[in-house]
Amino acid sequence: MIDIWLFLYWCFRFRGSKKEEILGISYNRMIRIDMSSCLPVTTWRFANMKQWNVNWEIRQVTIEFDQNVSIAFCCLSCDCKVVHEFIGGYIFLSTRSKDQNETLDEELFHKLTGGQE
């Protein structure tokens, strides 16, 4: 069971779709939700992500996953920079060890969350 209340939500339009949908972002995955039924459509795990890119001119986020899965969407209810920062932040957190004495790699954090606008 997916704990949907643990996700942060925004409205999006996925490439090739005419309707608005909801995208939830959690610490380890993203979930596409049908806005009319509120039912999950697809889930993608960050562990399966190869790369993500933001086209700052058209405000479109493109993400490539394993097994030749690629998604692209335009953000309707937030700036695409917000989505970029959350994805980068969650990936950064997943690279950290449980050791509380680990030093923070600020350069990696800024690389993952900063973007190039």
PDB file of N, CA and C in Angstrom:
ATOM      1  N   MET A   1       0.844  -1.183   0.000  1.00  0.00           N
ATOM      2  CA  MET A   1       0.000   0.000   0.000  1.00  0.00           C
ATOM      3  C   MET A   1       0.888   1.244   0.000  1.00  0.00           C
ATOM      4  N   ILE A   2       0.590   2.158  -0.859  1.00  0.00           N
ATOM      5  CA  ILE A   2       1.345   3.406  -0.937  1.00  0.00           C
ATOM      6  C   ILE A   2       0.725   4.406   0.024  1.00  0.00           C
ATOM      7  N   ASP A   3       1.541   4.963   0.900  1.00  0.00           N
ATOM      8  CA  ASP A   3       1.055   5.984   1.830  1.00  0.00           C
ATOM      9  C   ASP A   3       1.003   7.317   1.098  1.00  0.00           C
ATOM     10  N   ILE A   4      -0.113   7.574   0.436  1.00  0.00           N
ATOM     11  CA  ILE A   4      -0.248   8.751  -0.414  1.00  0.00           C
ATOM     12  C   ILE A   4      -0.094  10.040   0.369  1.00  0.00           C
ATOM     13  N   TRP A   5      -0.419  10.056   1.615  1.00  0.00           N
ATOM     14  CA  TRP A   5      -0.323  11.289   2.398  1.00  0.00           C
ATOM     15  C   TRP A   5       1.123  11.724   2.626  1.00  0.00           C
ATOM     16  N   LEU A   6       2.097  10.854   2.335  1.00  0.00           N
ATOM     17  CA  LEU A   6       3.506  11.198   2.507  1.00  0.00           C
ATOM     18  C   LEU A   6       4.085  11.979   1.327  1.00  0.00           C
ATOM     19  N   PHE A   7       3.324  12.175   0.277  1.00  0.00           N
ATOM     20  CA  PHE A   7       3.805  12.817  -0.933  1.00  0.00           C
ATOM     21  C   PHE A   7       3.477  14.304  -0.946  1.00  0.00           C
ATOM     22  N   LEU A   8       4.291  15.069  -1.675  1.00  0.00           N
ATOM     23  CA  LEU A   8       3.979  16.460  -1.982  1.00  0.00           C
ATOM     24  C   LEU A   8       3.381  16.458  -3.383  1.00  0.00           C
ATOM     25  N   TYR A   9       2.326  17.212  -3.592  1.00  0.00           N
ATOM     26  CA  TYR A   9       1.578  17.132  -4.848  1.00  0.00           C
ATOM     27  C   TYR A   9       1.591  18.435  -5.627  1.00  0.00           C
ATOM     28  N   TRP A  10       1.608  18.292  -6.961  1.00  0.00           N
ATOM     29  CA  TRP A  10       1.463  19.425  -7.864  1.00  0.00           C
ATOM     30  C   TRP A  10       0.685  18.974  -9.089  1.00  0.00           C
ATOM     31  N   CYS A  11       0.116  19.943  -9.812  1.00  0.00           N
ATOM     32  CA  CYS A  11      -0.610  19.659 -11.058  1.00  0.00           C
ATOM     33  C   CYS A  11       0.361  19.764 -12.231  1.00  0.00           C
ATOM     34  N   PHE A  12       0.218  18.826 -13.153  1.00  0.00           N
ATOM     35  CA  PHE A  12       1.093  18.745 -14.314  1.00  0.00           C
ATOM     36  C   PHE A  12       0.298  18.383 -15.547  1.00  0.00           C
ATOM     37  N   ARG A  13       0.924  18.596 -16.686  1.00  0.00           N
ATOM     38  CA  ARG A  13       0.422  18.047 -17.939  1.00  0.00           C
ATOM     39  C   ARG A  13       1.575  17.247 -18.530  1.00  0.00           C
ATOM     40  N   PHE A  14       1.354  15.939 -18.644  1.00  0.00           N
ATOM     41  CA  PHE A  14       2.379  15.065 -19.192  1.00  0.00           C
ATOM     42  C   PHE A  14       2.402  15.177 -20.708  1.00  0.00           C
ATOM     43  N   ARG A  15       3.580  15.003 -21.283  1.00  0.00           N
ATOM     44  CA  ARG A  15       3.724  15.065 -22.737  1.00  0.00           C
ATOM     45  C   ARG A  15       2.790  14.035 -23.371  1.00  0.00           C
ATOM     46  N   GLY A  16       2.048  14.466 -24.369  1.00  0.00           N
ATOM     47  CA  GLY A  16       1.126  13.587 -25.067  1.00  0.00           C
ATOM     48  C   GLY A  16      -0.245  13.495 -24.430  1.00  0.00           C
ATOM     49  N   SER A  17      -0.451  14.150 -23.313  1.00  0.00           N
ATOM     50  CA  SER A  17      -1.741  14.116 -22.623  1.00  0.00           C
ATOM     51  C   SER A  17      -2.394  15.490 -22.710  1.00  0.00           C
ATOM     52  N   LYS A  18      -3.709  15.499 -22.840  1.00  0.00           N
ATOM     53  CA  LYS A  18      -4.438  16.766 -22.909  1.00  0.00           C
ATOM     54  C   LYS A  18      -5.017  17.170 -21.567  1.00  0.00           C
ATOM     55  N   LYS A  19      -5.010  16.241 -20.614  1.00  0.00           N
ATOM     56  CA  LYS A  19      -5.635  16.554 -19.332  1.00  0.00           C
ATOM     57  C   LYS A  19      -4.591  16.828 -18.254  1.00  0.00           C
ATOM     58  N   GLU A  20      -5.012  17.582 -17.267  1.00  0.00           N
ATOM     59  CA  GLU A  20      -4.157  17.846 -16.117  1.00  0.00           C
ATOM     60  C   GLU A  20      -4.148  16.617 -15.217  1.00  0.00           C
ATOM     61  N   GLU A  21      -2.994  16.358 -14.626  1.00  0.00           N
ATOM     62  CA  GLU A  21      -2.862  15.242 -13.700  1.00  0.00           C
ATOM     63  C   GLU A  21      -2.089  15.709 -12.478  1.00  0.00           C
ATOM     64  N   ILE A  22      -2.020  14.853 -11.505  1.00  0.00           N
ATOM     65  CA  ILE A  22      -1.310  15.158 -10.270  1.00  0.00           C
ATOM     66  C   ILE A  22      -0.038  14.321 -10.234  1.00  0.00           C
ATOM     67  N   LEU A  23       1.042  14.942  -9.805  1.00  0.00           N
ATOM     68  CA  LEU A  23       2.291  14.222  -9.591  1.00  0.00           C
ATOM     69  C   LEU A  23       2.671  14.381  -8.136  1.00  0.00           C
ATOM     70  N   GLY A  24       2.822  13.255  -7.455  1.00  0.00           N
ATOM     71  CA  GLY A  24       3.270  13.261  -6.068  1.00  0.00           C
ATOM     72  C   GLY A  24       4.741  12.899  -6.017  1.00  0.00           C
ATOM     73  N   ILE A  25       5.498  13.614  -5.196  1.00  0.00           N
ATOM     74  CA  ILE A  25       6.928  13.334  -5.057  1.00  0.00           C
ATOM     75  C   ILE A  25       7.215  13.008  -3.600  1.00  0.00           C
ATOM     76  N   SER A  26       7.836  11.853  -3.391  1.00  0.00           N
ATOM     77  CA  SER A  26       8.191  11.388  -2.058  1.00  0.00           C
ATOM     78  C   SER A  26       9.702  11.211  -1.993  1.00  0.00           C
ATOM     79  N   TYR A  27      10.206  10.755  -0.865  1.00  0.00           N
ATOM     80  CA  TYR A  27      11.648  10.609  -0.679  1.00  0.00           C
ATOM     81  C   TYR A  27      12.267   9.540  -1.567  1.00  0.00           C
ATOM     82  N   ASN A  28      11.463   8.598  -2.097  1.00  0.00           N
ATOM     83  CA  ASN A  28      12.049   7.534  -2.904  1.00  0.00           C
ATOM     84  C   ASN A  28      11.334   7.263  -4.224  1.00  0.00           C
ATOM     85  N   ARG A  29      10.287   8.009  -4.521  1.00  0.00           N
ATOM     86  CA  ARG A  29       9.550   7.746  -5.763  1.00  0.00           C
ATOM     87  C   ARG A  29       8.654   8.919  -6.132  1.00  0.00           C
ATOM     88  N   MET A  30       8.148   8.825  -7.367  1.00  0.00           N
ATOM     89  CA  MET A  30       7.141   9.763  -7.861  1.00  0.00           C
ATOM     90  C   MET A  30       5.926   8.940  -8.255  1.00  0.00           C
ATOM     91  N   ILE A  31       4.762   9.535  -8.124  1.00  0.00           N
ATOM     92  CA  ILE A  31       3.537   8.827  -8.461  1.00  0.00           C
ATOM     93  C   ILE A  31       2.643   9.736  -9.297  1.00  0.00           C
ATOM     94  N   ARG A  32       2.153   9.198 -10.407  1.00  0.00           N
ATOM     95  CA  ARG A  32       1.232   9.908 -11.297  1.00  0.00           C
ATOM     96  C   ARG A  32      -0.182   9.520 -10.891  1.00  0.00           C
ATOM     97  N   ILE A  33      -1.016  10.531 -10.642  1.00  0.00           N
ATOM     98  CA  ILE A  33      -2.369  10.292 -10.140  1.00  0.00           C
ATOM     99  C   ILE A  33      -3.378  10.939 -11.073  1.00  0.00           C
ATOM    100  N   ASP A  34      -4.409  10.190 -11.434  1.00  0.00           N
ATOM    101  CA  ASP A  34      -5.494  10.724 -12.250  1.00  0.00           C
ATOM    102  C   ASP A  34      -6.282  11.728 -11.420  1.00  0.00           C
ATOM    103  N   MET A  35      -6.437  12.935 -11.932  1.00  0.00           N
ATOM    104  CA  MET A  35      -7.078  13.989 -11.160  1.00  0.00           C
ATOM    105  C   MET A  35      -8.575  13.737 -10.956  1.00  0.00           C
ATOM    106  N   SER A  36      -9.235  13.115 -11.925  1.00  0.00           N
ATOM    107  CA  SER A  36     -10.681  12.911 -11.799  1.00  0.00           C
ATOM    108  C   SER A  36     -11.035  11.771 -10.849  1.00  0.00           C
ATOM    109  N   SER A  37     -10.234  10.703 -10.850  1.00  0.00           N
ATOM    110  CA  SER A  37     -10.546   9.556  -9.995  1.00  0.00           C
ATOM    111  C   SER A  37      -9.704   9.518  -8.719  1.00  0.00           C
ATOM    112  N   CYS A  38      -8.631  10.291  -8.681  1.00  0.00           N
ATOM    113  CA  CYS A  38      -7.666  10.298  -7.566  1.00  0.00           C
ATOM    114  C   CYS A  38      -6.997   8.940  -7.365  1.00  0.00           C
ATOM    115  N   LEU A  39      -6.960   8.137  -8.413  1.00  0.00           N
ATOM    116  CA  LEU A  39      -6.311   6.828  -8.344  1.00  0.00           C
ATOM    117  C   LEU A  39      -4.911   6.895  -8.943  1.00  0.00           C
ATOM    118  N   PRO A  40      -3.966   6.170  -8.354  1.00  0.00           N
ATOM    119  CA  PRO A  40      -2.610   6.128  -8.910  1.00  0.00           C
ATOM    120  C   PRO A  40      -2.612   5.505 -10.303  1.00  0.00           C
ATOM    121  N   VAL A  41      -1.856   6.104 -11.212  1.00  0.00           N
ATOM    122  CA  VAL A  41      -1.735   5.591 -12.573  1.00  0.00           C
ATOM    123  C   VAL A  41      -0.415   4.840 -12.724  1.00  0.00           C
ATOM    124  N   THR A  42       0.663   5.463 -12.298  1.00  0.00           N
ATOM    125  CA  THR A  42       2.004   4.892 -12.431  1.00  0.00           C
ATOM    126  C   THR A  42       2.891   5.382 -11.292  1.00  0.00           C
ATOM    127  N   THR A  43       3.843   4.552 -10.920  1.00  0.00           N
ATOM    128  CA  THR A  43       4.834   4.937  -9.916  1.00  0.00           C
ATOM    129  C   THR A  43       6.225   4.715 -10.499  1.00  0.00           C
ATOM    130  N   TRP A  44       7.116   5.676 -10.264  1.00  0.00           N
ATOM    131  CA  TRP A  44       8.507   5.560 -10.696  1.00  0.00           C
ATOM    132  C   TRP A  44       9.404   5.735  -9.481  1.00  0.00           C
ATOM    133  N   ARG A  45      10.354   4.828  -9.305  1.00  0.00           N
ATOM    134  CA  ARG A  45      11.291   4.914  -8.181  1.00  0.00           C
ATOM    135  C   ARG A  45      12.540   5.687  -8.599  1.00  0.00           C
ATOM    136  N   PHE A  46      13.044   6.516  -7.681  1.00  0.00           N
ATOM    137  CA  PHE A  46      14.274   7.254  -7.947  1.00  0.00           C
ATOM    138  C   PHE A  46      15.442   6.298  -8.174  1.00  0.00           C
ATOM    139  N   ALA A  47      15.402   5.126  -7.552  1.00  0.00           N
ATOM    140  CA  ALA A  47      16.482   4.148  -7.719  1.00  0.00           C
ATOM    141  C   ALA A  47      16.602   3.692  -9.173  1.00  0.00           C
ATOM    142  N   ASN A  48      15.518   3.800  -9.946  1.00  0.00           N
ATOM    143  CA  ASN A  48      15.521   3.398 -11.354  1.00  0.00           C
ATOM    144  C   ASN A  48      15.783   4.568 -12.296  1.00  0.00           C
ATOM    145  N   MET A  49      16.020   5.751 -11.749  1.00  0.00           N
ATOM    146  CA  MET A  49      16.220   6.944 -12.566  1.00  0.00           C
ATOM    147  C   MET A  49      17.654   6.998 -13.088  1.00  0.00           C
ATOM    148  N   LYS A  50      17.784   7.252 -14.383  1.00  0.00           N
ATOM    149  CA  LYS A  50      19.105   7.425 -14.986  1.00  0.00           C
ATOM    150  C   LYS A  50      19.514   8.894 -14.964  1.00  0.00           C
ATOM    151  N   GLN A  51      18.590   9.770 -15.356  1.00  0.00           N
ATOM    152  CA  GLN A  51      18.881  11.200 -15.378  1.00  0.00           C
ATOM    153  C   GLN A  51      17.593  11.993 -15.481  1.00  0.00           C
ATOM    154  N   TRP A  52      17.690  13.271 -15.140  1.00  0.00           N
ATOM    155  CA  TRP A  52      16.577  14.179 -15.358  1.00  0.00           C
ATOM    156  C   TRP A  52      17.122  15.496 -15.864  1.00  0.00           C
ATOM    157  N   ASN A  53      16.325  16.138 -16.701  1.00  0.00           N
ATOM    158  CA  ASN A  53      16.721  17.408 -17.301  1.00  0.00           C
ATOM    159  C   ASN A  53      15.547  18.366 -17.237  1.00  0.00           C
ATOM    160  N   VAL A  54      15.869  19.650 -17.176  1.00  0.00           N
ATOM    161  CA  VAL A  54      14.835  20.671 -17.208  1.00  0.00           C
ATOM    162  C   VAL A  54      15.118  21.582 -18.392  1.00  0.00           C
ATOM    163  N   ASN A  55      14.121  21.750 -19.257  1.00  0.00           N
ATOM    164  CA  ASN A  55      14.200  22.741 -20.319  1.00  0.00           C
ATOM    165  C   ASN A  55      13.613  24.015 -19.731  1.00  0.00           C
ATOM    166  N   TRP A  56      14.488  24.927 -19.319  1.00  0.00           N
ATOM    167  CA  TRP A  56      14.048  26.125 -18.605  1.00  0.00           C
ATOM    168  C   TRP A  56      13.232  27.057 -19.500  1.00  0.00           C
ATOM    169  N   GLU A  57      13.455  27.010 -20.816  1.00  0.00           N
ATOM    170  CA  GLU A  57      12.725  27.897 -21.731  1.00  0.00           C
ATOM    171  C   GLU A  57      11.254  27.536 -21.824  1.00  0.00           C
ATOM    172  N   ILE A  58      10.972  26.245 -21.949  1.00  0.00           N
ATOM    173  CA  ILE A  58       9.565  25.829 -22.066  1.00  0.00           C
ATOM    174  C   ILE A  58       9.021  25.255 -20.760  1.00  0.00           C
ATOM    175  N   ARG A  59       9.859  25.279 -19.711  1.00  0.00           N
ATOM    176  CA  ARG A  59       9.450  24.813 -18.377  1.00  0.00           C
ATOM    177  C   ARG A  59       8.985  23.361 -18.394  1.00  0.00           C
ATOM    178  N   GLN A  60       9.778  22.501 -19.029  1.00  0.00           N
ATOM    179  CA  GLN A  60       9.439  21.080 -19.117  1.00  0.00           C
ATOM    180  C   GLN A  60      10.516  20.245 -18.443  1.00  0.00           C
ATOM    181  N   VAL A  61      10.081  19.288 -17.639  1.00  0.00           N
ATOM    182  CA  VAL A  61      10.978  18.348 -16.962  1.00  0.00           C
ATOM    183  C   VAL A  61      10.922  17.026 -17.721  1.00  0.00           C
ATOM    184  N   THR A  62      12.080  16.473 -18.051  1.00  0.00           N
ATOM    185  CA  THR A  62      12.176  15.181 -18.720  1.00  0.00           C
ATOM    186  C   THR A  62      12.994  14.260 -17.825  1.00  0.00           C
ATOM    187  N   ILE A  63      12.484  13.049 -17.623  1.00  0.00           N
ATOM    188  CA  ILE A  63      13.164  12.086 -16.751  1.00  0.00           C
ATOM    189  C   ILE A  63      13.296  10.763 -17.495  1.00  0.00           C
ATOM    190  N   GLU A  64      14.495  10.191 -17.449  1.00  0.00           N
ATOM    191  CA  GLU A  64      14.747   8.886 -18.046  1.00  0.00           C
ATOM    192  C   GLU A  64      14.977   7.870 -16.935  1.00  0.00           C
ATOM    193  N   PHE A  65      14.314   6.719 -17.096  1.00  0.00           N
ATOM    194  CA  PHE A  65      14.437   5.624 -16.141  1.00  0.00           C
ATOM    195  C   PHE A  65      15.027   4.406 -16.838  1.00  0.00           C
ATOM    196  N   ASP A  66      15.336   3.376 -16.053  1.00  0.00           N
ATOM    197  CA  ASP A  66      15.784   2.103 -16.611  1.00  0.00           C
ATOM    198  C   ASP A  66      14.734   1.563 -17.570  1.00  0.00           C
ATOM    199  N   GLN A  67      15.141   0.608 -18.381  1.00  0.00           N
ATOM    200  CA  GLN A  67      14.264  -0.092 -19.319  1.00  0.00           C
ATOM    201  C   GLN A  67      13.635   0.859 -20.337  1.00  0.00           C
ATOM    202  N   ASN A  68      14.382   1.873 -20.743  1.00  0.00           N
ATOM    203  CA  ASN A  68      13.968   2.826 -21.777  1.00  0.00           C
ATOM    204  C   ASN A  68      12.655   3.534 -21.485  1.00  0.00           C
ATOM    205  N   VAL A  69      12.361   3.759 -20.223  1.00  0.00           N
ATOM    206  CA  VAL A  69      11.166   4.511 -19.832  1.00  0.00           C
ATOM    207  C   VAL A  69      11.548   5.983 -19.727  1.00  0.00           C
ATOM    208  N   SER A  70      10.791   6.825 -20.417  1.00  0.00           N
ATOM    209  CA  SER A  70      11.053   8.258 -20.397  1.00  0.00           C
ATOM    210  C   SER A  70       9.734   8.996 -20.220  1.00  0.00           C
ATOM    211  N   ILE A  71       9.722   9.991 -19.335  1.00  0.00           N
ATOM    212  CA  ILE A  71       8.529  10.805 -19.135  1.00  0.00           C
ATOM    213  C   ILE A  71       8.920  12.276 -19.260  1.00  0.00           C
ATOM    214  N   ALA A  72       7.949  13.086 -19.636  1.00  0.00           N
ATOM    215  CA  ALA A  72       8.164  14.532 -19.716  1.00  0.00           C
ATOM    216  C   ALA A  72       6.865  15.206 -19.321  1.00  0.00           C
ATOM    217  N   PHE A  73       6.984  16.308 -18.606  1.00  0.00           N
ATOM    218  CA  PHE A  73       5.790  17.018 -18.172  1.00  0.00           C
ATOM    219  C   PHE A  73       6.087  18.493 -17.979  1.00  0.00           C
ATOM    220  N   CYS A  74       5.027  19.281 -18.096  1.00  0.00           N
ATOM    221  CA  CYS A  74       5.089  20.712 -17.805  1.00  0.00           C
ATOM    222  C   CYS A  74       4.373  20.943 -16.487  1.00  0.00           C
ATOM    223  N   CYS A  75       4.947  21.774 -15.671  1.00  0.00           N
ATOM    224  CA  CYS A  75       4.390  22.073 -14.354  1.00  0.00           C
ATOM    225  C   CYS A  75       3.328  23.159 -14.488  1.00  0.00           C
ATOM    226  N   LEU A  76       2.148  22.907 -13.936  1.00  0.00           N
ATOM    227  CA  LEU A  76       1.050  23.863 -14.026  1.00  0.00           C
ATOM    228  C   LEU A  76       0.826  24.630 -12.735  1.00  0.00           C
ATOM    229  N   SER A  77       1.066  23.995 -11.594  1.00  0.00           N
ATOM    230  CA  SER A  77       0.747  24.641 -10.315  1.00  0.00           C
ATOM    231  C   SER A  77       1.987  25.091  -9.542  1.00  0.00           C
ATOM    232  N   CYS A  78       3.155  24.940 -10.149  1.00  0.00           N
ATOM    233  CA  CYS A  78       4.392  25.400  -9.510  1.00  0.00           C
ATOM    234  C   CYS A  78       5.435  25.629 -10.589  1.00  0.00           C
ATOM    235  N   ASP A  79       6.509  26.257 -10.217  1.00  0.00           N
ATOM    236  CA  ASP A  79       7.635  26.442 -11.123  1.00  0.00           C
ATOM    237  C   ASP A  79       8.371  25.104 -11.232  1.00  0.00           C
ATOM    238  N   CYS A  80       8.865  24.774 -12.416  1.00  0.00           N
ATOM    239  CA  CYS A  80       9.577  23.504 -12.583  1.00  0.00           C
ATOM    240  C   CYS A  80      10.842  23.452 -11.727  1.00  0.00           C
ATOM    241  N   LYS A  81      11.344  24.589 -11.299  1.00  0.00           N
ATOM    242  CA  LYS A  81      12.510  24.622 -10.406  1.00  0.00           C
ATOM    243  C   LYS A  81      12.193  23.943  -9.075  1.00  0.00           C
ATOM    244  N   VAL A  82      10.944  24.060  -8.607  1.00  0.00           N
ATOM    245  CA  VAL A  82      10.538  23.416  -7.358  1.00  0.00           C
ATOM    246  C   VAL A  82      10.660  21.901  -7.491  1.00  0.00           C
ATOM    247  N   VAL A  83      10.160  21.359  -8.593  1.00  0.00           N
ATOM    248  CA  VAL A  83      10.234  19.913  -8.831  1.00  0.00           C
ATOM    249  C   VAL A  83      11.696  19.486  -8.937  1.00  0.00           C
ATOM    250  N   HIS A  84      12.484  20.245  -9.675  1.00  0.00           N
ATOM    251  CA  HIS A  84      13.910  19.953  -9.820  1.00  0.00           C
ATOM    252  C   HIS A  84      14.600  19.919  -8.453  1.00  0.00           C
ATOM    253  N   GLU A  85      14.284  20.880  -7.600  1.00  0.00           N
ATOM    254  CA  GLU A  85      14.902  20.931  -6.271  1.00  0.00           C
ATOM    255  C   GLU A  85      14.492  19.747  -5.405  1.00  0.00           C
ATOM    256  N   PHE A  86      13.217  19.352  -5.464  1.00  0.00           N
ATOM    257  CA  PHE A  86      12.775  18.207  -4.665  1.00  0.00           C
ATOM    258  C   PHE A  86      13.426  16.917  -5.139  1.00  0.00           C
ATOM    259  N   ILE A  87      13.456  16.687  -6.447  1.00  0.00           N
ATOM    260  CA  ILE A  87      14.094  15.475  -6.965  1.00  0.00           C
ATOM    261  C   ILE A  87      15.569  15.453  -6.559  1.00  0.00           C
ATOM    262  N   GLY A  88      16.270  16.548  -6.796  1.00  0.00           N
ATOM    263  CA  GLY A  88      17.687  16.618  -6.438  1.00  0.00           C
ATOM    264  C   GLY A  88      17.921  16.461  -4.950  1.00  0.00           C
ATOM    265  N   GLY A  89      17.070  17.083  -4.147  1.00  0.00           N
ATOM    266  CA  GLY A  89      17.202  16.981  -2.692  1.00  0.00           C
ATOM    267  C   GLY A  89      16.994  15.571  -2.188  1.00  0.00           C
ATOM    268  N   TYR A  90      15.971  14.896  -2.707  1.00  0.00           N
ATOM    269  CA  TYR A  90      15.720  13.518  -2.282  1.00  0.00           C
ATOM    270  C   TYR A  90      16.836  12.583  -2.734  1.00  0.00           C
ATOM    271  N   ILE A  91      17.352  12.790  -3.931  1.00  0.00           N
ATOM    272  CA  ILE A  91      18.467  11.960  -4.392  1.00  0.00           C
ATOM    273  C   ILE A  91      19.702  12.224  -3.530  1.00  0.00           C
ATOM    274  N   PHE A  92      19.944  13.479  -3.200  1.00  0.00           N
ATOM    275  CA  PHE A  92      21.074  13.806  -2.325  1.00  0.00           C
ATOM    276  C   PHE A  92      20.929  13.105  -0.977  1.00  0.00           C
ATOM    277  N   LEU A  93      19.748  13.168  -0.387  1.00  0.00           N
ATOM    278  CA  LEU A  93      19.535  12.520   0.909  1.00  0.00           C
ATOM    279  C   LEU A  93      19.741  11.014   0.832  1.00  0.00           C
ATOM    280  N   SER A  94      19.373  10.408  -0.302  1.00  0.00           N
ATOM    281  CA  SER A  94      19.530   8.957  -0.433  1.00  0.00           C
ATOM    282  C   SER A  94      20.997   8.549  -0.533  1.00  0.00           C
ATOM    283  N   THR A  95      21.880   9.485  -0.877  1.00  0.00           N
ATOM    284  CA  THR A  95      23.307   9.156  -0.980  1.00  0.00           C
ATOM    285  C   THR A  95      24.019   9.248   0.358  1.00  0.00           C
ATOM    286  N   ARG A  96      23.369   9.824   1.334  1.00  0.00           N
ATOM    287  CA  ARG A  96      24.004  10.017   2.644  1.00  0.00           C
ATOM    288  C   ARG A  96      23.907   8.743   3.479  1.00  0.00           C
ATOM    289  N   SER A  97      24.945   8.490   4.236  1.00  0.00           N
ATOM    290  CA  SER A  97      24.943   7.318   5.109  1.00  0.00           C
ATOM    291  C   SER A  97      24.209   7.645   6.402  1.00  0.00           C
ATOM    292  N   LYS A  98      23.955   6.631   7.170  1.00  0.00           N
ATOM    293  CA  LYS A  98      23.277   6.804   8.459  1.00  0.00           C
ATOM    294  C   LYS A  98      24.206   7.423   9.505  1.00  0.00           C
ATOM    295  N   ASP A  99      25.490   7.454   9.191  1.00  0.00           N
ATOM    296  CA  ASP A  99      26.490   8.003  10.112  1.00  0.00           C
ATOM    297  C   ASP A  99      26.276   9.504  10.292  1.00  0.00           C
ATOM    298  N   GLN A 100      25.976   9.913  11.498  1.00  0.00           N
ATOM    299  CA  GLN A 100      25.708  11.321  11.789  1.00  0.00           C
ATOM    300  C   GLN A 100      26.961  12.190  11.685  1.00  0.00           C
ATOM    301  N   ASN A 101      28.134  11.572  11.670  1.00  0.00           N
ATOM    302  CA  ASN A 101      29.385  12.328  11.610  1.00  0.00           C
ATOM    303  C   ASN A 101      29.834  12.621  10.178  1.00  0.00           C
ATOM    304  N   GLU A 102      29.087  12.145   9.208  1.00  0.00           N
ATOM    305  CA  GLU A 102      29.450  12.363   7.808  1.00  0.00           C
ATOM    306  C   GLU A 102      29.391  13.858   7.480  1.00  0.00           C
ATOM    307  N   THR A 103      30.413  14.340   6.806  1.00  0.00           N
ATOM    308  CA  THR A 103      30.404  15.755   6.428  1.00  0.00           C
ATOM    309  C   THR A 103      29.491  15.961   5.228  1.00  0.00           C
ATOM    310  N   LEU A 104      28.867  17.099   5.191  1.00  0.00           N
ATOM    311  CA  LEU A 104      27.927  17.436   4.129  1.00  0.00           C
ATOM    312  C   LEU A 104      28.695  17.831   2.872  1.00  0.00           C
ATOM    313  N   ASP A 105      28.390  17.163   1.762  1.00  0.00           N
ATOM    314  CA  ASP A 105      29.007  17.494   0.477  1.00  0.00           C
ATOM    315  C   ASP A 105      28.175  18.602  -0.166  1.00  0.00           C
ATOM    316  N   GLU A 106      28.492  19.838   0.199  1.00  0.00           N
ATOM    317  CA  GLU A 106      27.701  20.978  -0.273  1.00  0.00           C
ATOM    318  C   GLU A 106      27.759  21.133  -1.787  1.00  0.00           C
ATOM    319  N   GLU A 107      28.897  20.818  -2.376  1.00  0.00           N
ATOM    320  CA  GLU A 107      29.029  20.931  -3.831  1.00  0.00           C
ATOM    321  C   GLU A 107      28.053  19.989  -4.535  1.00  0.00           C
ATOM    322  N   LEU A 108      27.959  18.746  -4.063  1.00  0.00           N
ATOM    323  CA  LEU A 108      27.019  17.789  -4.647  1.00  0.00           C
ATOM    324  C   LEU A 108      25.581  18.250  -4.433  1.00  0.00           C
ATOM    325  N   PHE A 109      25.281  18.751  -3.245  1.00  0.00           N
ATOM    326  CA  PHE A 109      23.933  19.238  -2.960  1.00  0.00           C
ATOM    327  C   PHE A 109      23.540  20.349  -3.933  1.00  0.00           C
ATOM    328  N   HIS A 110      24.416  21.316  -4.129  1.00  0.00           N
ATOM    329  CA  HIS A 110      24.111  22.426  -5.038  1.00  0.00           C
ATOM    330  C   HIS A 110      24.027  21.961  -6.490  1.00  0.00           C
ATOM    331  N   LYS A 111      24.830  20.970  -6.841  1.00  0.00           N
ATOM    332  CA  LYS A 111      24.779  20.425  -8.201  1.00  0.00           C
ATOM    333  C   LYS A 111      23.433  19.744  -8.453  1.00  0.00           C
ATOM    334  N   LEU A 112      22.941  19.001  -7.472  1.00  0.00           N
ATOM    335  CA  LEU A 112      21.680  18.271  -7.634  1.00  0.00           C
ATOM    336  C   LEU A 112      20.448  19.165  -7.523  1.00  0.00           C
ATOM    337  N   THR A 113      20.530  20.228  -6.777  1.00  0.00           N
ATOM    338  CA  THR A 113      19.338  21.061  -6.548  1.00  0.00           C
ATOM    339  C   THR A 113      19.370  22.406  -7.259  1.00  0.00           C
ATOM    340  N   GLY A 114      20.545  22.834  -7.710  1.00  0.00           N
ATOM    341  CA  GLY A 114      20.679  24.186  -8.245  1.00  0.00           C
ATOM    342  C   GLY A 114      20.099  24.404  -9.619  1.00  0.00           C
ATOM    343  N   GLY A 115      20.380  23.531 -10.543  1.00  0.00           N
ATOM    344  CA  GLY A 115      19.898  23.720 -11.904  1.00  0.00           C
ATOM    345  C   GLY A 115      20.622  24.847 -12.614  1.00  0.00           C
ATOM    346  N   GLN A 116      20.325  24.991 -13.856  1.00  0.00           N
ATOM    347  CA  GLN A 116      20.914  26.045 -14.687  1.00  0.00           C
ATOM    348  C   GLN A 116      19.794  26.791 -15.372  1.00  0.00           C
ATOM    349  N   GLU A 117      19.419  27.915 -14.825  1.00  0.00           N
ATOM    350  CA  GLU A 117      18.323  28.669 -15.416  1.00  0.00           C
ATOM    351  C   GLU A 117      18.848  29.743 -16.315  1.00  0.00           C
TER     352      GLU A 117
END
